[in-house]
Amino acid sequence: IFPWIKRWIVTTNHKDIGTLYLCLSGFMFFIGGMMSMLIRAELMRRFSFEFCGMRNHELYFWSLTGPRTAIPVGSKLESDIIRDFGSMDTFWARLKETCMTRGIGWAMLWYDAGEDRLLMSWVDEQHLGQLNNCTIILGLDMWEHSYVADYQPSGKKNYVEDFFANLNWEVVEKRLL
């Protein structure tokens, strides 16, 4: 407690206990306001983590809806992949390599409309490394919670293979168009 408050409480003759309660409630209101400000600041600091996590998971589950399909032959997605990665084999190798990045986060395939090209990146946690002005085409959750229960830590590669085997690429391609 601040010394001046202690001195006031000890030395003042309080004829009305209400005065003491009024002073203490004012002090608590001040402290509460400070705490509220700190809580709001912390919530704002974490907002991008929570918001991006929500959106990443929406895209993740959305890409698994409907029947599993291959990348449509002759589609814009296929032609963009070949243009930007050289071949489908190179694309698959780079995407799977990105998925195997050590740590928690997301392997992402992006579309940069400004440059009309596909990009691939790793996003730490949910939000660190999101590419500005790019649209997420595909996101693969590489947090342990997404695969450990079914695949064990050593099964990360199998999880990645199964994810790609169950994608609905027609749904994914809609994000590109």
N, C-alpha and C. Protein backbone atom coordinates (compact mmCIF):
# COMPACT_ATOMS: atom_id res chain seq x y z
N ILE A 1 0.85 -1.18 0.00
CA ILE A 1 0.00 0.00 0.00
C ILE A 1 0.90 1.24 0.00
N PHE A 2 0.45 2.29 -0.69
CA PHE A 2 1.25 3.51 -0.78
C PHE A 2 1.38 4.14 0.60
N PRO A 3 2.59 4.67 0.97
CA PRO A 3 2.80 5.25 2.31
C PRO A 3 1.82 6.36 2.65
N TRP A 4 1.46 7.23 1.71
CA TRP A 4 0.56 8.33 2.03
C TRP A 4 -0.84 7.84 2.37
N ILE A 5 -1.24 6.72 1.75
CA ILE A 5 -2.56 6.15 2.08
C ILE A 5 -2.52 5.56 3.49
N LYS A 6 -1.43 4.84 3.78
CA LYS A 6 -1.29 4.25 5.11
C LYS A 6 -1.27 5.35 6.19
N ARG A 7 -0.51 6.42 5.93
CA ARG A 7 -0.42 7.52 6.89
C ARG A 7 -1.80 8.16 7.09
N TRP A 8 -2.56 8.34 6.01
CA TRP A 8 -3.87 8.95 6.10
C TRP A 8 -4.82 8.04 6.89
N ILE A 9 -4.76 6.74 6.62
CA ILE A 9 -5.66 5.81 7.31
C ILE A 9 -5.36 5.79 8.81
N VAL A 10 -4.07 5.75 9.16
CA VAL A 10 -3.68 5.64 10.56
C VAL A 10 -3.90 6.94 11.32
N THR A 11 -3.63 8.10 10.71
CA THR A 11 -3.65 9.37 11.44
C THR A 11 -4.98 10.09 11.38
N THR A 12 -5.86 9.75 10.51
CA THR A 12 -7.13 10.46 10.37
C THR A 12 -8.16 9.87 11.32
N ASN A 13 -8.91 10.77 11.97
CA ASN A 13 -9.99 10.34 12.83
C ASN A 13 -11.23 10.18 11.95
N HIS A 14 -11.59 8.96 11.69
CA HIS A 14 -12.70 8.69 10.79
C HIS A 14 -13.99 8.57 11.59
N LYS A 15 -14.75 9.66 11.56
CA LYS A 15 -16.03 9.64 12.25
C LYS A 15 -17.03 8.77 11.49
N ASP A 16 -16.82 8.67 10.22
CA ASP A 16 -17.75 7.90 9.40
C ASP A 16 -16.94 6.85 8.63
N ILE A 17 -17.19 5.60 8.91
CA ILE A 17 -16.48 4.53 8.22
C ILE A 17 -16.73 4.60 6.72
N GLY A 18 -17.83 5.24 6.34
CA GLY A 18 -18.15 5.42 4.93
C GLY A 18 -17.07 6.20 4.19
N THR A 19 -16.44 7.18 4.90
CA THR A 19 -15.37 7.95 4.28
C THR A 19 -14.22 7.04 3.89
N LEU A 20 -13.88 6.13 4.80
CA LEU A 20 -12.81 5.17 4.53
C LEU A 20 -13.19 4.28 3.35
N TYR A 21 -14.42 3.77 3.35
CA TYR A 21 -14.86 2.92 2.24
C TYR A 21 -14.86 3.70 0.92
N LEU A 22 -15.29 4.95 0.97
CA LEU A 22 -15.31 5.77 -0.23
C LEU A 22 -13.90 5.95 -0.77
N CYS A 23 -12.95 6.22 0.10
CA CYS A 23 -11.55 6.40 -0.32
C CYS A 23 -10.98 5.09 -0.86
N LEU A 24 -11.24 4.00 -0.14
CA LEU A 24 -10.72 2.71 -0.60
C LEU A 24 -11.36 2.28 -1.92
N SER A 25 -12.65 2.54 -2.08
CA SER A 25 -13.29 2.15 -3.34
C SER A 25 -12.77 3.00 -4.49
N GLY A 26 -12.47 4.27 -4.22
CA GLY A 26 -11.85 5.12 -5.25
C GLY A 26 -10.49 4.58 -5.65
N PHE A 27 -9.72 4.18 -4.64
CA PHE A 27 -8.41 3.60 -4.89
C PHE A 27 -8.56 2.30 -5.70
N MET A 28 -9.50 1.46 -5.33
CA MET A 28 -9.72 0.21 -6.04
C MET A 28 -10.22 0.46 -7.47
N PHE A 29 -11.04 1.50 -7.64
CA PHE A 29 -11.51 1.86 -8.97
C PHE A 29 -10.31 2.25 -9.84
N PHE A 30 -9.39 3.02 -9.26
CA PHE A 30 -8.18 3.43 -9.97
C PHE A 30 -7.34 2.20 -10.34
N ILE A 31 -7.13 1.30 -9.39
CA ILE A 31 -6.36 0.08 -9.64
C ILE A 31 -7.09 -0.79 -10.67
N GLY A 32 -8.41 -0.89 -10.52
CA GLY A 32 -9.21 -1.67 -11.47
C GLY A 32 -9.10 -1.12 -12.88
N GLY A 33 -9.12 0.20 -12.99
CA GLY A 33 -8.95 0.83 -14.30
C GLY A 33 -7.60 0.51 -14.90
N MET A 34 -6.56 0.54 -14.07
CA MET A 34 -5.22 0.20 -14.54
C MET A 34 -5.18 -1.27 -14.97
N MET A 35 -5.78 -2.15 -14.16
CA MET A 35 -5.79 -3.57 -14.51
C MET A 35 -6.58 -3.79 -15.79
N SER A 36 -7.70 -3.09 -15.90
CA SER A 36 -8.52 -3.22 -17.09
C SER A 36 -7.73 -2.80 -18.33
N MET A 37 -6.97 -1.71 -18.20
CA MET A 37 -6.15 -1.25 -19.31
C MET A 37 -5.09 -2.29 -19.67
N LEU A 38 -4.47 -2.89 -18.66
CA LEU A 38 -3.46 -3.90 -18.91
C LEU A 38 -4.06 -5.15 -19.55
N ILE A 39 -5.24 -5.52 -19.09
CA ILE A 39 -5.92 -6.68 -19.67
C ILE A 39 -6.28 -6.40 -21.13
N ARG A 40 -6.84 -5.20 -21.38
CA ARG A 40 -7.17 -4.84 -22.77
C ARG A 40 -5.92 -4.83 -23.64
N ALA A 41 -4.82 -4.32 -23.12
CA ALA A 41 -3.58 -4.29 -23.89
C ALA A 41 -3.10 -5.70 -24.21
N GLU A 42 -3.20 -6.60 -23.24
CA GLU A 42 -2.79 -7.99 -23.48
C GLU A 42 -3.71 -8.66 -24.49
N LEU A 43 -5.00 -8.39 -24.40
CA LEU A 43 -5.93 -8.96 -25.37
C LEU A 43 -5.62 -8.45 -26.78
N MET A 44 -5.29 -7.19 -26.91
CA MET A 44 -4.93 -6.65 -28.23
C MET A 44 -3.63 -7.27 -28.73
N ARG A 45 -2.70 -7.49 -27.83
CA ARG A 45 -1.42 -8.09 -28.21
C ARG A 45 -1.65 -9.49 -28.77
N ARG A 46 -2.58 -10.22 -28.21
CA ARG A 46 -2.83 -11.60 -28.62
C ARG A 46 -3.91 -11.72 -29.70
N PHE A 47 -4.53 -10.62 -30.07
CA PHE A 47 -5.64 -10.67 -31.02
C PHE A 47 -5.25 -11.33 -32.34
N SER A 48 -4.12 -10.96 -32.92
CA SER A 48 -3.75 -11.53 -34.22
C SER A 48 -3.52 -13.03 -34.12
N PHE A 49 -2.98 -13.50 -32.99
CA PHE A 49 -2.80 -14.94 -32.80
C PHE A 49 -4.15 -15.64 -32.84
N GLU A 50 -5.11 -15.15 -32.08
CA GLU A 50 -6.42 -15.79 -31.99
C GLU A 50 -7.19 -15.68 -33.30
N PHE A 51 -7.17 -14.50 -33.91
CA PHE A 51 -7.92 -14.28 -35.14
C PHE A 51 -7.35 -15.13 -36.27
N CYS A 52 -6.04 -15.10 -36.45
CA CYS A 52 -5.42 -15.90 -37.51
C CYS A 52 -5.61 -17.40 -37.25
N GLY A 53 -5.56 -17.81 -35.99
CA GLY A 53 -5.81 -19.21 -35.67
C GLY A 53 -7.20 -19.64 -36.08
N MET A 54 -8.18 -18.79 -35.83
CA MET A 54 -9.56 -19.08 -36.22
C MET A 54 -9.66 -19.21 -37.74
N ARG A 55 -9.12 -18.23 -38.47
CA ARG A 55 -9.20 -18.26 -39.93
C ARG A 55 -8.40 -19.42 -40.52
N ASN A 56 -7.22 -19.69 -39.99
CA ASN A 56 -6.42 -20.82 -40.48
C ASN A 56 -7.18 -22.12 -40.36
N HIS A 57 -7.83 -22.32 -39.21
CA HIS A 57 -8.58 -23.57 -39.01
C HIS A 57 -9.81 -23.64 -39.91
N GLU A 58 -10.46 -22.52 -40.14
CA GLU A 58 -11.59 -22.53 -41.07
C GLU A 58 -11.13 -23.01 -42.45
N LEU A 59 -10.01 -22.48 -42.93
CA LEU A 59 -9.49 -22.89 -44.24
C LEU A 59 -9.06 -24.35 -44.24
N TYR A 60 -8.44 -24.77 -43.16
CA TYR A 60 -7.97 -26.15 -43.03
C TYR A 60 -9.14 -27.12 -43.20
N PHE A 61 -10.20 -26.92 -42.41
CA PHE A 61 -11.35 -27.83 -42.47
C PHE A 61 -12.15 -27.65 -43.75
N TRP A 62 -12.22 -26.44 -44.25
CA TRP A 62 -12.92 -26.17 -45.50
C TRP A 62 -12.29 -26.96 -46.65
N SER A 63 -10.96 -27.08 -46.65
CA SER A 63 -10.28 -27.79 -47.74
C SER A 63 -10.53 -29.31 -47.70
N LEU A 64 -11.07 -29.78 -46.60
CA LEU A 64 -11.35 -31.21 -46.47
C LEU A 64 -12.83 -31.55 -46.68
N THR A 65 -13.64 -30.54 -47.02
CA THR A 65 -15.07 -30.78 -47.20
C THR A 65 -15.35 -31.41 -48.56
N GLY A 66 -16.40 -32.18 -48.61
CA GLY A 66 -16.79 -32.82 -49.86
C GLY A 66 -15.87 -34.00 -50.18
N PRO A 67 -16.03 -34.53 -51.36
CA PRO A 67 -15.21 -35.69 -51.72
C PRO A 67 -13.76 -35.28 -51.96
N ARG A 68 -12.86 -36.21 -51.72
CA ARG A 68 -11.46 -35.91 -52.01
C ARG A 68 -11.28 -35.94 -53.52
N THR A 69 -10.53 -34.97 -54.00
CA THR A 69 -10.29 -34.86 -55.44
C THR A 69 -8.83 -34.53 -55.68
N ALA A 70 -8.37 -34.82 -56.87
CA ALA A 70 -7.02 -34.44 -57.28
C ALA A 70 -7.04 -33.00 -57.78
N ILE A 71 -5.87 -32.42 -57.95
CA ILE A 71 -5.79 -31.09 -58.56
C ILE A 71 -6.36 -31.24 -59.98
N PRO A 72 -7.37 -30.46 -60.31
CA PRO A 72 -8.00 -30.63 -61.62
C PRO A 72 -7.01 -30.41 -62.77
N VAL A 73 -6.92 -31.39 -63.65
CA VAL A 73 -6.01 -31.31 -64.79
C VAL A 73 -6.45 -30.17 -65.70
N GLY A 74 -5.50 -29.35 -66.11
CA GLY A 74 -5.78 -28.23 -67.00
C GLY A 74 -6.39 -27.03 -66.29
N SER A 75 -6.52 -27.09 -64.96
CA SER A 75 -7.12 -25.98 -64.20
C SER A 75 -6.12 -24.83 -64.04
N LYS A 76 -6.65 -23.69 -63.63
CA LYS A 76 -5.79 -22.55 -63.34
C LYS A 76 -4.80 -22.90 -62.24
N LEU A 77 -5.27 -23.63 -61.22
CA LEU A 77 -4.39 -24.02 -60.13
C LEU A 77 -3.22 -24.86 -60.64
N GLU A 78 -3.51 -25.85 -61.47
CA GLU A 78 -2.43 -26.69 -62.00
C GLU A 78 -1.46 -25.87 -62.85
N SER A 79 -1.99 -25.02 -63.73
CA SER A 79 -1.09 -24.24 -64.59
C SER A 79 -0.28 -23.23 -63.77
N ASP A 80 -0.87 -22.64 -62.73
CA ASP A 80 -0.12 -21.72 -61.87
C ASP A 80 0.97 -22.46 -61.09
N ILE A 81 0.67 -23.66 -60.62
CA ILE A 81 1.68 -24.45 -59.90
C ILE A 81 2.86 -24.74 -60.81
N ILE A 82 2.58 -25.19 -62.03
CA ILE A 82 3.66 -25.52 -62.97
C ILE A 82 4.44 -24.25 -63.32
N ARG A 83 3.75 -23.15 -63.55
CA ARG A 83 4.43 -21.88 -63.87
C ARG A 83 5.35 -21.44 -62.73
N ASP A 84 4.86 -21.52 -61.48
CA ASP A 84 5.59 -20.95 -60.35
C ASP A 84 6.56 -21.90 -59.68
N PHE A 85 6.37 -23.20 -59.85
CA PHE A 85 7.25 -24.17 -59.19
C PHE A 85 8.01 -25.06 -60.18
N GLY A 86 7.72 -24.92 -61.46
CA GLY A 86 8.45 -25.67 -62.48
C GLY A 86 7.80 -26.97 -62.88
N SER A 87 7.26 -27.70 -61.92
CA SER A 87 6.59 -28.98 -62.21
C SER A 87 5.74 -29.36 -61.01
N MET A 88 4.84 -30.29 -61.21
CA MET A 88 4.02 -30.78 -60.11
C MET A 88 4.90 -31.51 -59.10
N ASP A 89 5.89 -32.25 -59.58
CA ASP A 89 6.79 -32.98 -58.67
C ASP A 89 7.55 -32.02 -57.76
N THR A 90 8.06 -30.93 -58.33
CA THR A 90 8.77 -29.93 -57.53
C THR A 90 7.83 -29.29 -56.52
N PHE A 91 6.62 -28.97 -56.95
CA PHE A 91 5.62 -28.40 -56.05
C PHE A 91 5.37 -29.31 -54.86
N TRP A 92 5.10 -30.61 -55.14
CA TRP A 92 4.81 -31.55 -54.06
C TRP A 92 6.01 -31.68 -53.12
N ALA A 93 7.20 -31.76 -53.67
CA ALA A 93 8.40 -31.90 -52.84
C ALA A 93 8.58 -30.68 -51.94
N ARG A 94 8.42 -29.49 -52.50
CA ARG A 94 8.59 -28.26 -51.70
C ARG A 94 7.49 -28.11 -50.66
N LEU A 95 6.26 -28.46 -51.02
CA LEU A 95 5.16 -28.34 -50.07
C LEU A 95 5.35 -29.30 -48.90
N LYS A 96 5.73 -30.53 -49.20
CA LYS A 96 5.95 -31.51 -48.13
C LYS A 96 7.17 -31.14 -47.29
N GLU A 97 8.18 -30.57 -47.92
CA GLU A 97 9.35 -30.09 -47.18
C GLU A 97 8.95 -28.96 -46.23
N THR A 98 8.12 -28.06 -46.70
CA THR A 98 7.63 -26.96 -45.85
C THR A 98 6.85 -27.52 -44.67
N CYS A 99 6.04 -28.53 -44.92
CA CYS A 99 5.25 -29.16 -43.84
C CYS A 99 6.15 -29.77 -42.77
N MET A 100 7.31 -30.22 -43.14
CA MET A 100 8.19 -30.88 -42.19
C MET A 100 9.08 -29.90 -41.42
N THR A 101 8.84 -28.61 -41.59
CA THR A 101 9.59 -27.60 -40.84
C THR A 101 9.46 -27.90 -39.35
N ARG A 102 10.56 -27.77 -38.65
CA ARG A 102 10.55 -28.04 -37.21
C ARG A 102 9.83 -26.91 -36.48
N GLY A 103 8.96 -27.27 -35.57
CA GLY A 103 8.28 -26.27 -34.76
C GLY A 103 6.77 -26.35 -34.93
N ILE A 104 6.10 -25.41 -34.28
CA ILE A 104 4.65 -25.34 -34.36
C ILE A 104 4.26 -24.23 -35.33
N GLY A 105 3.30 -24.53 -36.17
CA GLY A 105 2.86 -23.53 -37.12
C GLY A 105 2.09 -24.14 -38.26
N TRP A 106 2.16 -23.47 -39.39
CA TRP A 106 1.35 -23.82 -40.55
C TRP A 106 2.20 -23.79 -41.81
N ALA A 107 2.00 -24.78 -42.67
CA ALA A 107 2.55 -24.74 -44.02
C ALA A 107 1.47 -24.12 -44.89
N MET A 108 1.83 -23.07 -45.61
CA MET A 108 0.83 -22.30 -46.36
C MET A 108 1.18 -22.20 -47.83
N LEU A 109 0.14 -22.27 -48.65
CA LEU A 109 0.23 -21.95 -50.07
C LEU A 109 -0.60 -20.68 -50.26
N TRP A 110 0.01 -19.65 -50.83
CA TRP A 110 -0.60 -18.34 -50.98
C TRP A 110 -0.75 -17.98 -52.45
N TYR A 111 -1.70 -17.08 -52.70
CA TYR A 111 -1.79 -16.46 -54.02
C TYR A 111 -1.55 -14.98 -53.83
N ASP A 112 -0.56 -14.46 -54.55
CA ASP A 112 -0.25 -13.03 -54.55
C ASP A 112 -0.87 -12.43 -55.81
N ALA A 113 -2.03 -11.79 -55.68
CA ALA A 113 -2.73 -11.22 -56.84
C ALA A 113 -1.93 -10.09 -57.46
N GLY A 114 -1.17 -9.35 -56.68
CA GLY A 114 -0.37 -8.25 -57.21
C GLY A 114 0.69 -8.71 -58.18
N GLU A 115 1.24 -9.89 -57.94
CA GLU A 115 2.27 -10.46 -58.81
C GLU A 115 1.75 -11.61 -59.65
N ASP A 116 0.49 -11.99 -59.43
CA ASP A 116 -0.12 -13.14 -60.09
C ASP A 116 0.77 -14.37 -60.00
N ARG A 117 1.04 -14.77 -58.75
CA ARG A 117 1.87 -15.97 -58.57
C ARG A 117 1.56 -16.64 -57.24
N LEU A 118 1.90 -17.91 -57.18
CA LEU A 118 1.75 -18.68 -55.95
C LEU A 118 3.03 -18.61 -55.15
N LEU A 119 2.87 -18.57 -53.84
CA LEU A 119 4.00 -18.55 -52.91
C LEU A 119 3.78 -19.62 -51.85
N MET A 120 4.85 -20.09 -51.28
CA MET A 120 4.77 -21.08 -50.22
C MET A 120 5.55 -20.54 -49.03
N SER A 121 5.03 -20.74 -47.83
CA SER A 121 5.78 -20.27 -46.65
C SER A 121 5.37 -21.06 -45.42
N TRP A 122 6.16 -20.87 -44.38
CA TRP A 122 5.87 -21.40 -43.05
C TRP A 122 5.38 -20.23 -42.21
N VAL A 123 4.31 -20.43 -41.46
CA VAL A 123 3.81 -19.43 -40.53
C VAL A 123 4.00 -19.98 -39.12
N ASP A 124 4.81 -19.30 -38.33
CA ASP A 124 5.00 -19.71 -36.94
C ASP A 124 3.73 -19.45 -36.15
N GLU A 125 3.48 -20.34 -35.20
CA GLU A 125 2.28 -20.28 -34.38
C GLU A 125 1.06 -20.19 -35.29
N GLN A 126 0.31 -19.11 -35.20
CA GLN A 126 -0.87 -18.93 -36.06
C GLN A 126 -0.71 -17.71 -36.97
N HIS A 127 0.25 -16.85 -36.63
CA HIS A 127 0.20 -15.51 -37.20
C HIS A 127 1.55 -14.93 -37.61
N LEU A 128 2.64 -15.48 -37.15
CA LEU A 128 3.95 -14.89 -37.41
C LEU A 128 4.46 -15.35 -38.77
N GLY A 129 4.43 -14.45 -39.72
CA GLY A 129 4.86 -14.78 -41.07
C GLY A 129 3.73 -14.80 -42.08
N GLN A 130 2.55 -14.32 -41.68
CA GLN A 130 1.46 -14.18 -42.65
C GLN A 130 1.93 -13.20 -43.72
N LEU A 131 1.64 -13.48 -44.97
CA LEU A 131 2.10 -12.65 -46.07
C LEU A 131 1.05 -11.60 -46.41
N ASN A 132 1.42 -10.34 -46.25
CA ASN A 132 0.48 -9.24 -46.49
C ASN A 132 -0.03 -9.23 -47.92
N ASN A 133 -1.30 -8.93 -48.07
CA ASN A 133 -1.97 -8.81 -49.36
C ASN A 133 -1.96 -10.08 -50.18
N CYS A 134 -1.75 -11.21 -49.55
CA CYS A 134 -1.81 -12.50 -50.23
C CYS A 134 -2.99 -13.29 -49.67
N THR A 135 -3.57 -14.12 -50.50
CA THR A 135 -4.70 -14.95 -50.11
C THR A 135 -4.19 -16.35 -49.81
N ILE A 136 -4.60 -16.88 -48.67
CA ILE A 136 -4.22 -18.26 -48.36
C ILE A 136 -5.06 -19.18 -49.25
N ILE A 137 -4.37 -20.00 -50.01
CA ILE A 137 -5.04 -20.98 -50.87
C ILE A 137 -5.21 -22.30 -50.10
N LEU A 138 -4.16 -22.65 -49.36
CA LEU A 138 -4.17 -23.91 -48.62
C LEU A 138 -3.32 -23.73 -47.37
N GLY A 139 -3.82 -24.23 -46.25
CA GLY A 139 -3.06 -24.21 -45.00
C GLY A 139 -3.11 -25.57 -44.33
N LEU A 140 -1.94 -26.03 -43.94
CA LEU A 140 -1.85 -27.32 -43.24
C LEU A 140 -1.38 -27.08 -41.82
N ASP A 141 -2.22 -27.42 -40.86
CA ASP A 141 -1.94 -27.26 -39.44
C ASP A 141 -0.84 -28.23 -39.03
N MET A 142 0.30 -27.70 -38.61
CA MET A 142 1.42 -28.54 -38.21
C MET A 142 1.69 -28.45 -36.71
N TRP A 143 0.72 -27.95 -35.94
CA TRP A 143 0.81 -28.03 -34.49
C TRP A 143 0.64 -29.50 -34.11
N GLU A 144 1.29 -29.91 -33.05
CA GLU A 144 1.22 -31.31 -32.63
C GLU A 144 -0.20 -31.79 -32.38
N HIS A 145 -1.08 -30.89 -31.90
CA HIS A 145 -2.45 -31.33 -31.60
C HIS A 145 -3.17 -31.86 -32.83
N SER A 146 -2.70 -31.48 -34.02
CA SER A 146 -3.38 -31.91 -35.23
C SER A 146 -3.05 -33.34 -35.64
N TYR A 147 -1.96 -33.89 -35.12
CA TYR A 147 -1.58 -35.24 -35.56
C TYR A 147 -1.11 -36.20 -34.48
N VAL A 148 -0.71 -35.73 -33.32
CA VAL A 148 -0.10 -36.61 -32.32
C VAL A 148 -1.06 -37.71 -31.84
N ALA A 149 -2.32 -37.41 -31.67
CA ALA A 149 -3.25 -38.43 -31.16
C ALA A 149 -3.39 -39.60 -32.12
N ASP A 150 -3.36 -39.33 -33.41
CA ASP A 150 -3.54 -40.39 -34.40
C ASP A 150 -2.23 -40.95 -34.95
N TYR A 151 -1.18 -40.14 -34.95
CA TYR A 151 0.05 -40.53 -35.64
C TYR A 151 1.28 -40.63 -34.74
N GLN A 152 1.17 -40.16 -33.52
CA GLN A 152 2.32 -40.07 -32.62
C GLN A 152 3.33 -39.06 -33.18
N PRO A 153 4.23 -38.56 -32.36
CA PRO A 153 5.18 -37.55 -32.87
C PRO A 153 5.99 -38.02 -34.08
N SER A 154 6.31 -39.30 -34.13
CA SER A 154 7.11 -39.82 -35.24
C SER A 154 6.29 -39.98 -36.52
N GLY A 155 4.99 -39.78 -36.46
CA GLY A 155 4.12 -39.97 -37.61
C GLY A 155 3.77 -38.71 -38.37
N LYS A 156 4.51 -37.64 -38.15
CA LYS A 156 4.22 -36.36 -38.79
C LYS A 156 4.16 -36.50 -40.32
N LYS A 157 5.10 -37.24 -40.88
CA LYS A 157 5.13 -37.41 -42.33
C LYS A 157 3.89 -38.14 -42.82
N ASN A 158 3.43 -39.15 -42.09
CA ASN A 158 2.21 -39.87 -42.47
C ASN A 158 0.98 -38.97 -42.41
N TYR A 159 0.94 -38.11 -41.40
CA TYR A 159 -0.16 -37.14 -41.29
C TYR A 159 -0.20 -36.24 -42.52
N VAL A 160 0.95 -35.76 -42.94
CA VAL A 160 1.03 -34.89 -44.12
C VAL A 160 0.53 -35.63 -45.35
N GLU A 161 0.99 -36.86 -45.55
CA GLU A 161 0.56 -37.66 -46.70
C GLU A 161 -0.95 -37.88 -46.67
N ASP A 162 -1.49 -38.22 -45.51
CA ASP A 162 -2.93 -38.46 -45.40
C ASP A 162 -3.74 -37.18 -45.63
N PHE A 163 -3.23 -36.05 -45.16
CA PHE A 163 -3.91 -34.78 -45.40
C PHE A 163 -4.05 -34.54 -46.89
N PHE A 164 -2.95 -34.67 -47.62
CA PHE A 164 -2.99 -34.42 -49.06
C PHE A 164 -3.85 -35.45 -49.79
N ALA A 165 -3.88 -36.67 -49.29
CA ALA A 165 -4.69 -37.72 -49.92
C ALA A 165 -6.19 -37.45 -49.74
N ASN A 166 -6.55 -36.64 -48.76
CA ASN A 166 -7.96 -36.42 -48.45
C ASN A 166 -8.46 -35.02 -48.82
N LEU A 167 -7.64 -34.23 -49.47
CA LEU A 167 -8.04 -32.88 -49.85
C LEU A 167 -9.07 -32.90 -50.97
N ASN A 168 -9.90 -31.89 -50.95
CA ASN A 168 -10.78 -31.62 -52.07
C ASN A 168 -10.16 -30.42 -52.80
N TRP A 169 -9.35 -30.72 -53.81
CA TRP A 169 -8.62 -29.66 -54.52
C TRP A 169 -9.54 -28.74 -55.30
N GLU A 170 -10.74 -29.20 -55.64
CA GLU A 170 -11.70 -28.31 -56.30
C GLU A 170 -12.13 -27.19 -55.35
N VAL A 171 -12.30 -27.53 -54.09
CA VAL A 171 -12.63 -26.53 -53.08
C VAL A 171 -11.45 -25.59 -52.88
N VAL A 172 -10.25 -26.15 -52.82
CA VAL A 172 -9.03 -25.34 -52.65
C VAL A 172 -8.89 -24.36 -53.81
N GLU A 173 -9.12 -24.84 -55.02
CA GLU A 173 -8.95 -23.97 -56.20
C GLU A 173 -9.89 -22.77 -56.17
N LYS A 174 -11.05 -22.91 -55.56
CA LYS A 174 -11.98 -21.78 -55.49
C LYS A 174 -11.36 -20.57 -54.79
N ARG A 175 -10.40 -20.81 -53.90
CA ARG A 175 -9.73 -19.69 -53.23
C ARG A 175 -8.84 -18.92 -54.19
N LEU A 176 -8.45 -19.56 -55.27
CA LEU A 176 -7.58 -18.94 -56.27
C LEU A 176 -8.36 -18.11 -57.26
N LEU A 177 -9.59 -18.49 -57.50
CA LEU A 177 -10.37 -17.83 -58.57
C LEU A 177 -11.04 -16.56 -58.11
